[in-house]
């Protein structure tokens, strides 16, 4: 009988999983934007709260932050 997973088991692939879901959400937002508005991205809408572009910008910033955390943890020798 296999053992029950603990928190460290769930956190092992956190970076890969989170980046996958961020990319998936960005792709979904771009597809929705193209279907609803007829274009993929309007940079002028990045500063308007609640638009697809604003959410894409936030998700991109979150992805960059996760990549920086991953790089810093690898540099210090943590897993």
PDB file of N, CA and C in Angstrom:
ATOM      1  N   UNK A   1       0.838  -1.173   0.000  1.00  0.00           N
ATOM      2  CA  UNK A   1       0.000   0.000   0.000  1.00  0.00           C
ATOM      3  C   UNK A   1       0.893   1.250   0.000  1.00  0.00           C
ATOM      4  N   UNK A   2       0.700   2.142  -0.969  1.00  0.00           N
ATOM      5  CA  UNK A   2       1.560   3.328  -1.031  1.00  0.00           C
ATOM      6  C   UNK A   2       1.266   4.288   0.118  1.00  0.00           C
ATOM      7  N   UNK A   3       2.276   5.050   0.469  1.00  0.00           N
ATOM      8  CA  UNK A   3       2.103   6.010   1.560  1.00  0.00           C
ATOM      9  C   UNK A   3       1.306   7.218   1.093  1.00  0.00           C
ATOM     10  N   UNK A   4       0.737   7.941   2.035  1.00  0.00           N
ATOM     11  CA  UNK A   4      -0.014   9.145   1.714  1.00  0.00           C
ATOM     12  C   UNK A   4       0.953  10.263   1.332  1.00  0.00           C
ATOM     13  N   UNK A   5       0.609  11.056   0.337  1.00  0.00           N
ATOM     14  CA  UNK A   5       1.512  12.155  -0.028  1.00  0.00           C
ATOM     15  C   UNK A   5       1.504  13.244   1.044  1.00  0.00           C
ATOM     16  N   UNK A   6       2.660  13.827   1.262  1.00  0.00           N
ATOM     17  CA  UNK A   6       2.743  14.941   2.192  1.00  0.00           C
ATOM     18  C   UNK A   6       3.000  16.238   1.419  1.00  0.00           C
ATOM     19  N   UNK A   7       3.189  17.325   2.140  1.00  0.00           N
ATOM     20  CA  UNK A   7       3.329  18.626   1.488  1.00  0.00           C
ATOM     21  C   UNK A   7       4.550  18.690   0.584  1.00  0.00           C
ATOM     22  N   UNK A   8       5.647  18.097   0.991  1.00  0.00           N
ATOM     23  CA  UNK A   8       6.855  18.167   0.161  1.00  0.00           C
ATOM     24  C   UNK A   8       6.659  17.426  -1.161  1.00  0.00           C
ATOM     25  N   UNK A   9       5.863  16.366  -1.151  1.00  0.00           N
ATOM     26  CA  UNK A   9       5.565  15.665  -2.396  1.00  0.00           C
ATOM     27  C   UNK A   9       4.765  16.551  -3.346  1.00  0.00           C
ATOM     28  N   UNK A  10       3.832  17.301  -2.791  1.00  0.00           N
ATOM     29  CA  UNK A  10       2.999  18.164  -3.623  1.00  0.00           C
ATOM     30  C   UNK A  10       3.771  19.371  -4.138  1.00  0.00           C
ATOM     31  N   UNK A  11       4.754  19.824  -3.386  1.00  0.00           N
ATOM     32  CA  UNK A  11       5.497  21.024  -3.757  1.00  0.00           C
ATOM     33  C   UNK A  11       6.689  20.739  -4.670  1.00  0.00           C
ATOM     34  N   UNK A  12       6.978  19.467  -4.943  1.00  0.00           N
ATOM     35  CA  UNK A  12       8.152  19.132  -5.744  1.00  0.00           C
ATOM     36  C   UNK A  12       8.126  19.774  -7.124  1.00  0.00           C
ATOM     37  N   UNK A  13       7.011  19.718  -7.775  1.00  0.00           N
ATOM     38  CA  UNK A  13       6.899  20.233  -9.140  1.00  0.00           C
ATOM     39  C   UNK A  13       6.118  21.548  -9.191  1.00  0.00           C
ATOM     40  N   UNK A  14       6.165  22.319  -8.109  1.00  0.00           N
ATOM     41  CA  UNK A  14       5.385  23.550  -8.040  1.00  0.00           C
ATOM     42  C   UNK A  14       5.709  24.508  -9.179  1.00  0.00           C
ATOM     43  N   UNK A  15       6.987  24.715  -9.457  1.00  0.00           N
ATOM     44  CA  UNK A  15       7.376  25.683 -10.471  1.00  0.00           C
ATOM     45  C   UNK A  15       6.882  25.278 -11.859  1.00  0.00           C
ATOM     46  N   UNK A  16       7.095  24.018 -12.205  1.00  0.00           N
ATOM     47  CA  UNK A  16       6.665  23.558 -13.525  1.00  0.00           C
ATOM     48  C   UNK A  16       5.149  23.603 -13.665  1.00  0.00           C
ATOM     49  N   UNK A  17       4.458  23.168 -12.628  1.00  0.00           N
ATOM     50  CA  UNK A  17       3.000  23.164 -12.683  1.00  0.00           C
ATOM     51  C   UNK A  17       2.437  24.569 -12.762  1.00  0.00           C
ATOM     52  N   UNK A  18       2.978  25.466 -11.963  1.00  0.00           N
ATOM     53  CA  UNK A  18       2.448  26.831 -11.954  1.00  0.00           C
ATOM     54  C   UNK A  18       2.720  27.526 -13.289  1.00  0.00           C
ATOM     55  N   UNK A  19       3.905  27.322 -13.858  1.00  0.00           N
ATOM     56  CA  UNK A  19       4.189  27.941 -15.154  1.00  0.00           C
ATOM     57  C   UNK A  19       3.312  27.353 -16.256  1.00  0.00           C
ATOM     58  N   UNK A  20       3.025  26.062 -16.187  1.00  0.00           N
ATOM     59  CA  UNK A  20       2.119  25.448 -17.152  1.00  0.00           C
ATOM     60  C   UNK A  20       0.733  26.085 -17.072  1.00  0.00           C
ATOM     61  N   UNK A  21       0.196  26.230 -15.857  1.00  0.00           N
ATOM     62  CA  UNK A  21      -1.150  26.784 -15.712  1.00  0.00           C
ATOM     63  C   UNK A  21      -1.199  28.266 -16.074  1.00  0.00           C
ATOM     64  N   UNK A  22      -0.136  28.996 -15.795  1.00  0.00           N
ATOM     65  CA  UNK A  22      -0.095  30.400 -16.202  1.00  0.00           C
ATOM     66  C   UNK A  22      -0.110  30.503 -17.721  1.00  0.00           C
ATOM     67  N   UNK A  23       0.703  29.692 -18.400  1.00  0.00           N
ATOM     68  CA  UNK A  23       0.720  29.697 -19.866  1.00  0.00           C
ATOM     69  C   UNK A  23      -0.636  29.274 -20.428  1.00  0.00           C
ATOM     70  N   UNK A  24      -1.258  28.288 -19.809  1.00  0.00           N
ATOM     71  CA  UNK A  24      -2.577  27.828 -20.249  1.00  0.00           C
ATOM     72  C   UNK A  24      -3.621  28.937 -20.103  1.00  0.00           C
ATOM     73  N   UNK A  25      -3.603  29.652 -18.980  1.00  0.00           N
ATOM     74  CA  UNK A  25      -4.545  30.749 -18.769  1.00  0.00           C
ATOM     75  C   UNK A  25      -4.311  31.902 -19.738  1.00  0.00           C
ATOM     76  N   UNK A  26      -3.044  32.219 -20.014  1.00  0.00           N
ATOM     77  CA  UNK A  26      -2.744  33.285 -20.971  1.00  0.00           C
ATOM     78  C   UNK A  26      -3.238  32.906 -22.360  1.00  0.00           C
ATOM     79  N   UNK A  27      -3.011  31.663 -22.763  1.00  0.00           N
ATOM     80  CA  UNK A  27      -3.495  31.208 -24.072  1.00  0.00           C
ATOM     81  C   UNK A  27      -5.021  31.274 -24.137  1.00  0.00           C
ATOM     82  N   UNK A  28      -5.684  30.882 -23.057  1.00  0.00           N
ATOM     83  CA  UNK A  28      -7.147  30.962 -23.021  1.00  0.00           C
ATOM     84  C   UNK A  28      -7.650  32.393 -23.085  1.00  0.00           C
ATOM     85  N   UNK A  29      -6.988  33.297 -22.389  1.00  0.00           N
ATOM     86  CA  UNK A  29      -7.382  34.708 -22.442  1.00  0.00           C
ATOM     87  C   UNK A  29      -7.167  35.294 -23.829  1.00  0.00           C
ATOM     88  N   UNK A  30      -6.064  34.931 -24.478  1.00  0.00           N
ATOM     89  CA  UNK A  30      -5.823  35.411 -25.840  1.00  0.00           C
ATOM     90  C   UNK A  30      -6.869  34.880 -26.818  1.00  0.00           C
ATOM     91  N   UNK A  31      -7.235  33.621 -26.669  1.00  0.00           N
ATOM     92  CA  UNK A  31      -8.266  33.039 -27.530  1.00  0.00           C
ATOM     93  C   UNK A  31      -9.610  33.715 -27.294  1.00  0.00           C
ATOM     94  N   UNK A  32      -9.947  33.961 -26.041  1.00  0.00           N
ATOM     95  CA  UNK A  32     -11.206  34.631 -25.721  1.00  0.00           C
ATOM     96  C   UNK A  32     -11.217  36.055 -26.262  1.00  0.00           C
ATOM     97  N   UNK A  33     -10.105  36.739 -26.150  1.00  0.00           N
ATOM     98  CA  UNK A  33      -9.990  38.105 -26.676  1.00  0.00           C
ATOM     99  C   UNK A  33     -10.188  38.110 -28.190  1.00  0.00           C
ATOM    100  N   UNK A  34      -9.571  37.142 -28.863  1.00  0.00           N
ATOM    101  CA  UNK A  34      -9.707  37.083 -30.322  1.00  0.00           C
ATOM    102  C   UNK A  34     -11.149  36.771 -30.728  1.00  0.00           C
ATOM    103  N   UNK A  35     -11.799  35.894 -29.987  1.00  0.00           N
ATOM    104  CA  UNK A  35     -13.190  35.543 -30.308  1.00  0.00           C
ATOM    105  C   UNK A  35     -14.124  36.708 -30.034  1.00  0.00           C
ATOM    106  N   UNK A  36     -13.954  37.378 -28.902  1.00  0.00           N
ATOM    107  CA  UNK A  36     -14.870  38.447 -28.517  1.00  0.00           C
ATOM    108  C   UNK A  36     -14.603  39.766 -29.241  1.00  0.00           C
ATOM    109  N   UNK A  37     -13.320  40.137 -29.353  1.00  0.00           N
ATOM    110  CA  UNK A  37     -12.974  41.460 -29.868  1.00  0.00           C
ATOM    111  C   UNK A  37     -12.450  41.445 -31.295  1.00  0.00           C
ATOM    112  N   UNK A  38     -11.933  40.317 -31.744  1.00  0.00           N
ATOM    113  CA  UNK A  38     -11.431  40.228 -33.106  1.00  0.00           C
ATOM    114  C   UNK A  38      -9.949  40.543 -33.238  1.00  0.00           C
ATOM    115  N   UNK A  39      -9.268  40.788 -32.146  1.00  0.00           N
ATOM    116  CA  UNK A  39      -7.825  40.995 -32.166  1.00  0.00           C
ATOM    117  C   UNK A  39      -7.219  40.290 -30.959  1.00  0.00           C
ATOM    118  N   UNK A  40      -5.909  40.055 -31.022  1.00  0.00           N
ATOM    119  CA  UNK A  40      -5.270  39.298 -29.946  1.00  0.00           C
ATOM    120  C   UNK A  40      -4.877  40.163 -28.755  1.00  0.00           C
ATOM    121  N   UNK A  41      -4.296  41.332 -29.010  1.00  0.00           N
ATOM    122  CA  UNK A  41      -3.742  42.110 -27.910  1.00  0.00           C
ATOM    123  C   UNK A  41      -3.720  43.581 -28.279  1.00  0.00           C
ATOM    124  N   UNK A  42      -4.220  44.416 -27.391  1.00  0.00           N
ATOM    125  CA  UNK A  42      -4.173  45.872 -27.565  1.00  0.00           C
ATOM    126  C   UNK A  42      -3.392  46.451 -26.393  1.00  0.00           C
ATOM    127  N   UNK A  43      -2.159  46.907 -26.622  1.00  0.00           N
ATOM    128  CA  UNK A  43      -1.345  47.414 -25.517  1.00  0.00           C
ATOM    129  C   UNK A  43      -1.978  48.581 -24.758  1.00  0.00           C
ATOM    130  N   UNK A  44      -2.853  49.329 -25.395  1.00  0.00           N
ATOM    131  CA  UNK A  44      -3.501  50.449 -24.714  1.00  0.00           C
ATOM    132  C   UNK A  44      -4.418  49.973 -23.587  1.00  0.00           C
ATOM    133  N   UNK A  45      -4.910  48.752 -23.678  1.00  0.00           N
ATOM    134  CA  UNK A  45      -5.804  48.219 -22.649  1.00  0.00           C
ATOM    135  C   UNK A  45      -5.060  47.607 -21.456  1.00  0.00           C
ATOM    136  N   UNK A  46      -3.742  47.641 -21.478  1.00  0.00           N
ATOM    137  CA  UNK A  46      -2.984  47.051 -20.372  1.00  0.00           C
ATOM    138  C   UNK A  46      -3.171  47.819 -19.077  1.00  0.00           C
ATOM    139  N   UNK A  47      -3.525  49.096 -19.147  1.00  0.00           N
ATOM    140  CA  UNK A  47      -3.685  49.897 -17.935  1.00  0.00           C
ATOM    141  C   UNK A  47      -5.133  49.983 -17.474  1.00  0.00           C
ATOM    142  N   UNK A  48      -6.042  49.386 -18.231  1.00  0.00           N
ATOM    143  CA  UNK A  48      -7.459  49.395 -17.869  1.00  0.00           C
ATOM    144  C   UNK A  48      -7.752  48.159 -17.032  1.00  0.00           C
ATOM    145  N   UNK A  49      -8.174  48.376 -15.783  1.00  0.00           N
ATOM    146  CA  UNK A  49      -8.418  47.284 -14.848  1.00  0.00           C
ATOM    147  C   UNK A  49      -9.530  46.369 -15.350  1.00  0.00           C
ATOM    148  N   UNK A  50      -9.298  45.070 -15.303  1.00  0.00           N
ATOM    149  CA  UNK A  50     -10.313  44.082 -15.628  1.00  0.00           C
ATOM    150  C   UNK A  50     -10.358  43.643 -17.076  1.00  0.00           C
ATOM    151  N   UNK A  51      -9.510  44.202 -17.932  1.00  0.00           N
ATOM    152  CA  UNK A  51      -9.502  43.770 -19.335  1.00  0.00           C
ATOM    153  C   UNK A  51      -8.646  42.512 -19.483  1.00  0.00           C
ATOM    154  N   UNK A  52      -8.794  41.853 -20.622  1.00  0.00           N
ATOM    155  CA  UNK A  52      -7.986  40.663 -20.890  1.00  0.00           C
ATOM    156  C   UNK A  52      -6.494  41.016 -20.868  1.00  0.00           C
ATOM    157  N   UNK A  53      -6.157  42.148 -21.452  1.00  0.00           N
ATOM    158  CA  UNK A  53      -4.757  42.551 -21.514  1.00  0.00           C
ATOM    159  C   UNK A  53      -4.179  42.783 -20.123  1.00  0.00           C
ATOM    160  N   UNK A  54      -4.974  43.375 -19.229  1.00  0.00           N
ATOM    161  CA  UNK A  54      -4.536  43.605 -17.859  1.00  0.00           C
ATOM    162  C   UNK A  54      -4.275  42.273 -17.157  1.00  0.00           C
ATOM    163  N   UNK A  55      -5.173  41.314 -17.338  1.00  0.00           N
ATOM    164  CA  UNK A  55      -4.985  39.998 -16.717  1.00  0.00           C
ATOM    165  C   UNK A  55      -3.777  39.270 -17.299  1.00  0.00           C
ATOM    166  N   UNK A  56      -3.571  39.407 -18.611  1.00  0.00           N
ATOM    167  CA  UNK A  56      -2.410  38.786 -19.247  1.00  0.00           C
ATOM    168  C   UNK A  56      -1.131  39.397 -18.693  1.00  0.00           C
ATOM    169  N   UNK A  57      -1.126  40.720 -18.492  1.00  0.00           N
ATOM    170  CA  UNK A  57       0.048  41.385 -17.931  1.00  0.00           C
ATOM    171  C   UNK A  57       0.316  40.882 -16.504  1.00  0.00           C
ATOM    172  N   UNK A  58      -0.734  40.751 -15.684  1.00  0.00           N
ATOM    173  CA  UNK A  58      -0.554  40.259 -14.317  1.00  0.00           C
ATOM    174  C   UNK A  58      -0.034  38.824 -14.304  1.00  0.00           C
ATOM    175  N   UNK A  59      -0.605  37.973 -15.142  1.00  0.00           N
ATOM    176  CA  UNK A  59      -0.149  36.585 -15.199  1.00  0.00           C
ATOM    177  C   UNK A  59       1.289  36.489 -15.690  1.00  0.00           C
ATOM    178  N   UNK A  60       1.657  37.345 -16.645  1.00  0.00           N
ATOM    179  CA  UNK A  60       3.037  37.354 -17.128  1.00  0.00           C
ATOM    180  C   UNK A  60       3.999  37.783 -16.029  1.00  0.00           C
ATOM    181  N   UNK A  61       3.612  38.799 -15.257  1.00  0.00           N
ATOM    182  CA  UNK A  61       4.448  39.245 -14.146  1.00  0.00           C
ATOM    183  C   UNK A  61       4.580  38.153 -13.089  1.00  0.00           C
ATOM    184  N   UNK A  62       3.508  37.434 -12.838  1.00  0.00           N
ATOM    185  CA  UNK A  62       3.550  36.321 -11.889  1.00  0.00           C
ATOM    186  C   UNK A  62       4.480  35.219 -12.390  1.00  0.00           C
ATOM    187  N   UNK A  63       4.427  34.932 -13.677  1.00  0.00           N
ATOM    188  CA  UNK A  63       5.316  33.925 -14.256  1.00  0.00           C
ATOM    189  C   UNK A  63       6.775  34.321 -14.148  1.00  0.00           C
ATOM    190  N   UNK A  64       7.069  35.594 -14.391  1.00  0.00           N
ATOM    191  CA  UNK A  64       8.449  36.074 -14.262  1.00  0.00           C
ATOM    192  C   UNK A  64       8.907  35.964 -12.808  1.00  0.00           C
ATOM    193  N   UNK A  65       8.028  36.321 -11.866  1.00  0.00           N
ATOM    194  CA  UNK A  65       8.379  36.228 -10.453  1.00  0.00           C
ATOM    195  C   UNK A  65       8.666  34.778 -10.055  1.00  0.00           C
ATOM    196  N   UNK A  66       7.875  33.856 -10.548  1.00  0.00           N
ATOM    197  CA  UNK A  66       8.092  32.437 -10.243  1.00  0.00           C
ATOM    198  C   UNK A  66       9.415  31.961 -10.832  1.00  0.00           C
ATOM    199  N   UNK A  67       9.730  32.400 -12.057  1.00  0.00           N
ATOM    200  CA  UNK A  67      11.015  32.031 -12.661  1.00  0.00           C
ATOM    201  C   UNK A  67      12.183  32.584 -11.861  1.00  0.00           C
ATOM    202  N   UNK A  68      12.061  33.820 -11.365  1.00  0.00           N
ATOM    203  CA  UNK A  68      13.128  34.411 -10.558  1.00  0.00           C
ATOM    204  C   UNK A  68      13.282  33.670  -9.232  1.00  0.00           C
ATOM    205  N   UNK A  69      12.173  33.286  -8.611  1.00  0.00           N
ATOM    206  CA  UNK A  69      12.245  32.503  -7.374  1.00  0.00           C
ATOM    207  C   UNK A  69      12.913  31.161  -7.610  1.00  0.00           C
ATOM    208  N   UNK A  70      12.572  30.543  -8.718  1.00  0.00           N
ATOM    209  CA  UNK A  70      13.160  29.247  -9.051  1.00  0.00           C
ATOM    210  C   UNK A  70      14.664  29.385  -9.276  1.00  0.00           C
ATOM    211  N   UNK A  71      15.063  30.428 -10.006  1.00  0.00           N
ATOM    212  CA  UNK A  71      16.483  30.632 -10.276  1.00  0.00           C
ATOM    213  C   UNK A  71      17.250  30.933  -8.986  1.00  0.00           C
ATOM    214  N   UNK A  72      16.661  31.722  -8.107  1.00  0.00           N
ATOM    215  CA  UNK A  72      17.355  32.036  -6.865  1.00  0.00           C
ATOM    216  C   UNK A  72      17.443  30.820  -5.939  1.00  0.00           C
ATOM    217  N   UNK A  73      16.416  29.970  -5.952  1.00  0.00           N
ATOM    218  CA  UNK A  73      16.476  28.784  -5.107  1.00  0.00           C
ATOM    219  C   UNK A  73      17.480  27.763  -5.666  1.00  0.00           C
ATOM    220  N   UNK A  74      17.614  27.691  -6.975  1.00  0.00           N
ATOM    221  CA  UNK A  74      18.613  26.795  -7.560  1.00  0.00           C
ATOM    222  C   UNK A  74      20.028  27.299  -7.296  1.00  0.00           C
ATOM    223  N   UNK A  75      20.188  28.621  -7.285  1.00  0.00           N
ATOM    224  CA  UNK A  75      21.513  29.178  -7.061  1.00  0.00           C
ATOM    225  C   UNK A  75      21.988  28.964  -5.627  1.00  0.00           C
ATOM    226  N   UNK A  76      21.039  29.015  -4.687  1.00  0.00           N
ATOM    227  CA  UNK A  76      21.413  28.822  -3.279  1.00  0.00           C
ATOM    228  C   UNK A  76      21.510  27.347  -2.920  1.00  0.00           C
ATOM    229  N   UNK A  77      21.124  26.456  -3.836  1.00  0.00           N
ATOM    230  CA  UNK A  77      21.270  25.032  -3.591  1.00  0.00           C
ATOM    231  C   UNK A  77      20.040  24.378  -3.009  1.00  0.00           C
ATOM    232  N   UNK A  78      18.934  25.095  -2.889  1.00  0.00           N
ATOM    233  CA  UNK A  78      17.705  24.492  -2.380  1.00  0.00           C
ATOM    234  C   UNK A  78      17.055  23.671  -3.478  1.00  0.00           C
ATOM    235  N   UNK A  79      16.188  22.761  -3.086  1.00  0.00           N
ATOM    236  CA  UNK A  79      15.444  21.976  -4.071  1.00  0.00           C
ATOM    237  C   UNK A  79      14.124  22.586  -4.364  1.00  0.00           C
TER     238      UNK A  79
END
